[in-house]
Amino acid sequence: MPKKMKRRTFLKSTFGTFLTVLGLGSGGYFYANRIEPSLLEINKLEIKHSLIPTSFNGVKIVQFSDTHLGFHYNANQLMKLVEKINQLEPDLIFFTGDLLDEPNKYDEINKVAPILQQLKANIGKYCIYGNHDHGGYGSEIYRNLMELSNFTVLLNESLLIKQKDGSFISLIGIDDRMLGKPNLDQAMKLVPEESFKLLLSHAPDVADEAATYRIHWQLSGHSHGGQVKIPFVGALVIPPFAQNYPEGLYSIGENNPLLLYVNRGIGTTRLPFRFMAKPELTVFTLISAESD
């Protein structure tokens, strides 16, 4: 199991390296602090599988993650993000954790639910816990906020997302790997064996275990894509449980592989910088392989 890096060690190593590489010029510092964190990138992918019913062809999912409200990301910025997501006209919205940076210290908390309530998805809105959602005595704060915002919170459980004709896919959500108690056995208990299975896990590296459960896709966040990446060096610090799969699309396993997508998230944490790791929304379109 990766060792948990202490906050002081994280700050010292990351900030020192960052300033060494970029801080020599004020332009680099300004770009990473003010410019790149606002350069929202929208990535589009297809989720294609023979077990996806044809009635789900064209269903659009928007994934967002890691807003870290309260740490250099505020309610006004969240409102703009909600507007951008609604412009994409999603059928489903998945939030993959870390809503508030320190839940019990956020002073605009009364603004959050009214903003998230404005997110529109005609099939539904679903979310899971991240490590920051548990930190700062935040577990109940997070659940209450998300349920008030008309999200369904998945905590080591599954549900069927159904169409009017009765066809369905299975959505599974597990607890955070760092500060929660993820339990895939419990989450998979009621999942129909011959259904398309999509897992939400804040921690990407859970994918190695998830692949043994014949799960087809996993959507994660947590890593921030490294948040600060240095040319020819890579990410300065990648958090525990995102070290194997820090960013983008991965195929895990040989026969019937699990496909994992790791979203870079929206906000920042620990340090108010993004460099070569732009914030991201991901748009997935479901496609049945039978439509070929």
Protein backbone atom coordinates (compact mmCIF):
# COMPACT_ATOMS: atom_id res chain seq x y z
CA MET A 1 0.00 0.00 0.00
CA PRO A 2 1.45 3.43 -0.92
CA LYS A 3 2.53 5.47 2.06
CA LYS A 4 0.44 8.51 2.82
CA MET A 5 2.45 11.66 2.24
CA LYS A 6 2.25 14.13 5.09
CA ARG A 7 0.92 17.59 4.26
CA ARG A 8 4.17 19.32 5.25
CA THR A 9 6.27 16.95 3.12
CA PHE A 10 3.91 17.41 0.19
CA LEU A 11 4.06 21.19 0.37
CA LYS A 12 7.81 21.34 0.82
CA SER A 13 8.71 19.03 -2.04
CA THR A 14 6.07 20.24 -4.48
CA PHE A 15 6.41 23.95 -3.85
CA GLY A 16 10.18 23.82 -3.84
CA THR A 17 10.39 21.96 -7.13
CA PHE A 18 7.70 24.11 -8.67
CA LEU A 19 9.48 27.35 -7.83
CA THR A 20 12.79 25.97 -8.98
CA VAL A 21 11.40 25.16 -12.41
CA LEU A 22 8.86 27.94 -12.91
CA GLY A 23 9.41 30.53 -10.23
CA LEU A 24 12.51 31.90 -11.92
CA GLY A 25 10.10 33.85 -14.08
CA SER A 26 6.99 35.60 -12.80
CA GLY A 27 5.22 34.70 -16.03
CA GLY A 28 5.34 30.99 -15.28
CA TYR A 29 4.02 31.53 -11.78
CA PHE A 30 1.18 33.74 -13.04
CA TYR A 31 0.21 31.25 -15.76
CA ALA A 32 0.06 28.28 -13.37
CA ASN A 33 -1.76 30.25 -10.66
CA ARG A 34 -4.20 32.35 -12.68
CA ILE A 35 -4.42 31.16 -16.30
CA GLU A 36 -4.31 27.38 -16.58
CA PRO A 37 -6.74 26.74 -13.69
CA SER A 38 -9.39 28.57 -15.74
CA LEU A 39 -8.68 26.79 -19.05
CA LEU A 40 -11.48 24.24 -18.90
CA GLU A 41 -11.00 21.40 -21.39
CA ILE A 42 -13.91 19.29 -22.60
CA ASN A 43 -12.92 15.77 -23.65
CA LYS A 44 -15.30 13.48 -25.53
CA LEU A 45 -15.21 9.69 -25.58
CA GLU A 46 -17.45 6.79 -26.56
CA ILE A 47 -18.41 4.03 -24.16
CA LYS A 48 -19.13 1.14 -26.50
CA HIS A 49 -20.07 -2.41 -25.52
CA SER A 50 -22.30 -5.23 -26.71
CA LEU A 51 -24.09 -5.34 -23.33
CA ILE A 52 -25.27 -1.75 -23.67
CA PRO A 53 -28.89 -1.99 -24.87
CA THR A 54 -29.69 -0.27 -28.15
CA SER A 55 -32.15 1.95 -26.27
CA PHE A 56 -29.09 3.62 -24.67
CA ASN A 57 -27.51 4.55 -28.00
CA GLY A 58 -26.60 8.21 -27.90
CA VAL A 59 -27.16 8.63 -24.16
CA LYS A 60 -24.78 11.36 -23.01
CA ILE A 61 -22.93 11.32 -19.70
CA VAL A 62 -21.04 14.31 -18.28
CA GLN A 63 -18.48 13.56 -15.59
CA PHE A 64 -17.07 16.27 -13.36
CA SER A 65 -14.85 15.84 -10.35
CA ASP A 66 -12.69 17.43 -7.66
CA THR A 67 -14.05 20.96 -7.45
CA HIS A 68 -12.42 21.49 -4.03
CA LEU A 69 -14.66 24.42 -3.20
CA GLY A 70 -13.06 26.72 -0.68
CA PHE A 71 -9.50 26.32 -1.91
CA HIS A 72 -9.12 28.92 -4.67
CA TYR A 73 -12.48 27.86 -6.14
CA ASN A 74 -15.67 29.66 -5.16
CA ALA A 75 -19.44 29.53 -5.59
CA ASN A 76 -19.40 31.94 -8.55
CA GLN A 77 -17.00 29.67 -10.39
CA LEU A 78 -19.20 26.69 -9.57
CA MET A 79 -22.20 28.52 -11.05
CA LYS A 80 -20.30 29.05 -14.30
CA LEU A 81 -19.36 25.38 -14.34
CA VAL A 82 -23.00 24.39 -13.91
CA GLU A 83 -23.94 26.61 -16.84
CA LYS A 84 -21.25 24.96 -18.98
CA ILE A 85 -22.42 21.45 -18.04
CA ASN A 86 -26.04 22.33 -18.86
CA GLN A 87 -24.94 23.62 -22.27
CA LEU A 88 -23.68 20.11 -23.00
CA GLU A 89 -27.25 18.79 -22.49
CA PRO A 90 -26.37 15.61 -20.56
CA ASP A 91 -28.76 12.76 -19.97
CA LEU A 92 -26.72 11.63 -16.97
CA ILE A 93 -24.37 13.54 -14.67
CA PHE A 94 -21.74 11.79 -12.55
CA PHE A 95 -19.74 13.59 -9.88
CA THR A 96 -16.74 11.53 -8.78
CA GLY A 97 -15.88 13.16 -5.47
CA ASP A 98 -14.12 15.95 -3.58
CA LEU A 99 -16.76 18.67 -3.63
CA LEU A 100 -15.41 20.78 -0.75
CA ASP A 101 -11.75 21.05 0.16
CA GLU A 102 -12.49 21.27 3.92
CA PRO A 103 -16.23 20.70 4.44
CA ASN A 104 -16.47 22.00 8.00
CA LYS A 105 -14.63 25.23 7.21
CA TYR A 106 -16.31 26.34 3.98
CA ASP A 107 -18.08 29.67 4.57
CA GLU A 108 -20.28 29.66 1.43
CA ILE A 109 -21.84 26.28 2.06
CA ASN A 110 -25.41 27.62 1.90
CA LYS A 111 -24.83 28.57 -1.73
CA VAL A 112 -23.76 25.14 -2.92
CA ALA A 113 -27.01 23.16 -3.07
CA PRO A 114 -29.03 25.91 -4.84
CA ILE A 115 -26.31 25.99 -7.51
CA LEU A 116 -26.03 22.22 -7.95
CA GLN A 117 -29.83 21.94 -8.06
CA GLN A 118 -29.66 23.79 -11.38
CA LEU A 119 -27.76 20.95 -13.04
CA LYS A 120 -30.13 19.30 -15.52
CA ALA A 121 -30.00 15.64 -16.56
CA ASN A 122 -33.16 13.98 -17.80
CA ILE A 123 -32.19 10.47 -16.62
CA GLY A 124 -30.47 11.35 -13.36
CA LYS A 125 -27.56 12.74 -11.31
CA TYR A 126 -25.30 10.44 -9.29
CA CYS A 127 -22.25 10.88 -7.09
CA ILE A 128 -19.75 9.14 -4.82
CA TYR A 129 -17.47 10.14 -1.95
CA GLY A 130 -13.93 11.42 -2.37
CA ASN A 131 -11.35 11.62 0.38
CA HIS A 132 -12.00 15.34 1.02
CA ASP A 133 -15.73 14.61 1.34
CA HIS A 134 -14.91 12.52 4.39
CA GLY A 135 -12.15 14.80 5.70
CA GLY A 136 -12.94 17.72 7.99
CA TYR A 137 -15.87 15.82 9.52
CA GLY A 138 -17.52 16.18 6.15
CA SER A 139 -19.24 12.84 5.54
CA GLU A 140 -22.74 13.94 6.54
CA ILE A 141 -22.20 17.48 5.23
CA TYR A 142 -21.44 16.06 1.79
CA ARG A 143 -24.31 13.58 1.74
CA ASN A 144 -26.81 16.23 2.85
CA LEU A 145 -25.57 18.71 0.24
CA MET A 146 -25.70 16.22 -2.62
CA GLU A 147 -29.10 14.80 -1.70
CA LEU A 148 -30.46 18.33 -1.36
CA SER A 149 -29.04 18.96 -4.84
CA ASN A 150 -31.05 16.00 -6.22
CA PHE A 151 -28.03 13.72 -6.60
CA THR A 152 -28.23 10.06 -5.66
CA VAL A 153 -25.27 9.19 -3.43
CA LEU A 154 -23.85 5.71 -4.08
CA LEU A 155 -21.98 4.26 -1.11
CA ASN A 156 -20.92 0.65 -1.75
CA GLU A 157 -24.14 0.02 -3.64
CA SER A 158 -25.60 -0.29 -7.09
CA LEU A 159 -28.73 0.60 -8.98
CA LEU A 160 -30.22 0.02 -12.40
CA ILE A 161 -30.48 2.93 -14.81
CA LYS A 162 -33.54 2.07 -16.84
CA GLN A 163 -35.11 3.20 -20.09
CA LYS A 164 -38.85 3.29 -20.75
CA ASP A 165 -38.73 -0.08 -22.53
CA GLY A 166 -37.37 -1.73 -19.39
CA SER A 167 -33.79 -2.13 -20.64
CA PHE A 168 -31.05 -1.11 -18.22
CA ILE A 169 -27.40 -0.76 -17.36
CA SER A 170 -25.87 -1.23 -13.90
CA LEU A 171 -24.30 1.71 -12.08
CA ILE A 172 -22.06 0.90 -9.11
CA GLY A 173 -20.57 3.38 -6.65
CA ILE A 174 -18.00 2.67 -3.94
CA ASP A 175 -16.60 4.61 -1.02
CA ASP A 176 -13.29 6.46 -1.16
CA ARG A 177 -10.13 4.36 -0.85
CA MET A 178 -8.14 6.79 1.33
CA LEU A 179 -10.56 7.84 4.06
CA GLY A 180 -13.60 5.69 3.44
CA LYS A 181 -14.38 1.98 3.50
CA PRO A 182 -14.82 0.76 -0.08
CA ASN A 183 -16.47 -2.62 -0.41
CA LEU A 184 -16.85 -4.02 -3.90
CA ASP A 185 -18.34 -7.29 -2.65
CA GLN A 186 -21.18 -5.38 -1.04
CA ALA A 187 -21.58 -3.01 -3.98
CA MET A 188 -21.86 -5.88 -6.48
CA LYS A 189 -24.37 -8.02 -4.56
CA LEU A 190 -27.45 -6.98 -6.54
CA VAL A 191 -25.80 -6.37 -9.93
CA PRO A 192 -27.28 -8.56 -12.69
CA GLU A 193 -24.49 -10.70 -14.12
CA GLU A 194 -25.30 -10.10 -17.80
CA SER A 195 -25.71 -6.33 -17.58
CA PHE A 196 -23.32 -3.60 -18.65
CA LYS A 197 -21.49 -2.52 -15.49
CA LEU A 198 -20.16 0.99 -14.91
CA LEU A 199 -18.29 1.77 -11.69
CA LEU A 200 -17.75 5.15 -10.05
CA SER A 201 -14.67 5.19 -7.79
CA HIS A 202 -12.89 8.35 -6.69
CA ALA A 203 -9.58 6.47 -6.53
CA PRO A 204 -8.37 5.26 -9.96
CA ASP A 205 -6.13 2.47 -8.70
CA VAL A 206 -9.17 0.54 -7.46
CA ALA A 207 -9.43 -0.52 -11.12
CA ASP A 208 -7.01 -3.40 -10.58
CA GLU A 209 -9.45 -4.93 -8.10
CA ALA A 210 -12.54 -3.90 -10.06
CA ALA A 211 -11.28 -5.74 -13.13
CA THR A 212 -11.65 -9.03 -11.24
CA TYR A 213 -15.40 -8.37 -10.85
CA ARG A 214 -16.06 -8.28 -14.61
CA ILE A 215 -16.82 -4.57 -14.46
CA HIS A 216 -16.70 -3.05 -17.93
CA TRP A 217 -15.93 0.65 -17.29
CA GLN A 218 -14.73 2.71 -14.34
CA LEU A 219 -14.82 6.51 -14.02
CA SER A 220 -12.52 8.15 -11.47
CA GLY A 221 -10.94 11.44 -10.41
CA HIS A 222 -8.65 12.20 -7.45
CA SER A 223 -5.33 12.64 -9.30
CA HIS A 224 -5.91 16.12 -10.81
CA GLY A 225 -3.82 14.75 -13.66
CA GLY A 226 -0.81 15.43 -11.45
CA GLN A 227 -1.92 19.08 -11.10
CA VAL A 228 1.64 20.33 -11.71
CA LYS A 229 3.68 18.53 -14.36
CA ILE A 230 7.20 19.50 -15.36
CA PRO A 231 8.46 18.81 -18.91
CA PHE A 232 10.73 15.74 -19.04
CA VAL A 233 10.02 15.12 -15.33
CA GLY A 234 6.28 14.50 -15.11
CA ALA A 235 3.91 15.11 -12.22
CA LEU A 236 5.59 16.37 -9.07
CA VAL A 237 3.36 14.46 -6.66
CA ILE A 238 0.54 12.05 -7.47
CA PRO A 239 -1.69 11.16 -4.51
CA PRO A 240 -1.97 7.64 -3.13
CA PHE A 241 -4.33 5.37 -5.06
CA ALA A 242 -3.83 7.34 -8.29
CA GLN A 243 -0.22 6.37 -8.90
CA ASN A 244 -0.85 3.53 -11.34
CA TYR A 245 -3.45 5.42 -13.38
CA PRO A 246 -3.03 9.21 -13.03
CA GLU A 247 -4.81 10.55 -16.12
CA GLY A 248 -6.81 9.59 -19.17
CA LEU A 249 -7.92 6.25 -20.62
CA TYR A 250 -6.55 2.83 -19.65
CA SER A 251 -7.34 -0.77 -20.55
CA ILE A 252 -6.83 -3.19 -17.65
CA GLY A 253 -6.71 -6.95 -18.08
CA GLU A 254 -6.32 -9.15 -21.14
CA ASN A 255 -9.64 -10.92 -21.61
CA ASN A 256 -12.69 -8.65 -21.48
CA PRO A 257 -10.60 -5.76 -20.10
CA LEU A 258 -11.94 -3.07 -17.82
CA LEU A 259 -11.69 0.39 -19.37
CA LEU A 260 -10.81 3.15 -16.90
CA TYR A 261 -11.05 6.87 -17.44
CA VAL A 262 -9.38 9.25 -14.98
CA ASN A 263 -10.73 12.80 -15.06
CA ARG A 264 -8.29 15.62 -14.14
CA GLY A 265 -10.92 17.43 -12.07
CA ILE A 266 -11.84 21.08 -11.82
CA GLY A 267 -10.18 22.70 -8.81
CA THR A 268 -6.85 22.50 -7.04
CA THR A 269 -5.75 21.35 -3.61
CA ARG A 270 -2.69 21.83 -1.40
CA LEU A 271 -1.18 24.29 -3.89
CA PRO A 272 -3.16 26.79 -6.02
CA PHE A 273 -1.48 25.80 -9.29
CA ARG A 274 -2.15 23.82 -12.42
CA PHE A 275 0.57 23.35 -15.00
CA MET A 276 0.20 21.01 -17.99
CA ALA A 277 -2.89 19.59 -16.27
CA LYS A 278 -5.87 21.66 -17.39
CA PRO A 279 -9.20 21.29 -15.55
CA GLU A 280 -11.55 18.92 -17.33
CA LEU A 281 -15.11 17.97 -18.08
CA THR A 282 -15.56 14.61 -19.76
CA VAL A 283 -18.47 13.80 -22.07
CA PHE A 284 -19.18 10.11 -22.73
CA THR A 285 -21.64 8.82 -25.31
CA LEU A 286 -23.05 5.33 -24.79
CA ILE A 287 -23.13 3.09 -27.85
CA SER A 288 -24.31 -0.50 -28.22
CA ALA A 289 -21.91 -2.60 -30.28
CA GLU A 290 -25.04 -4.10 -31.87
CA SER A 291 -25.53 -0.79 -33.70
CA ASP A 292 -22.54 -1.50 -36.00
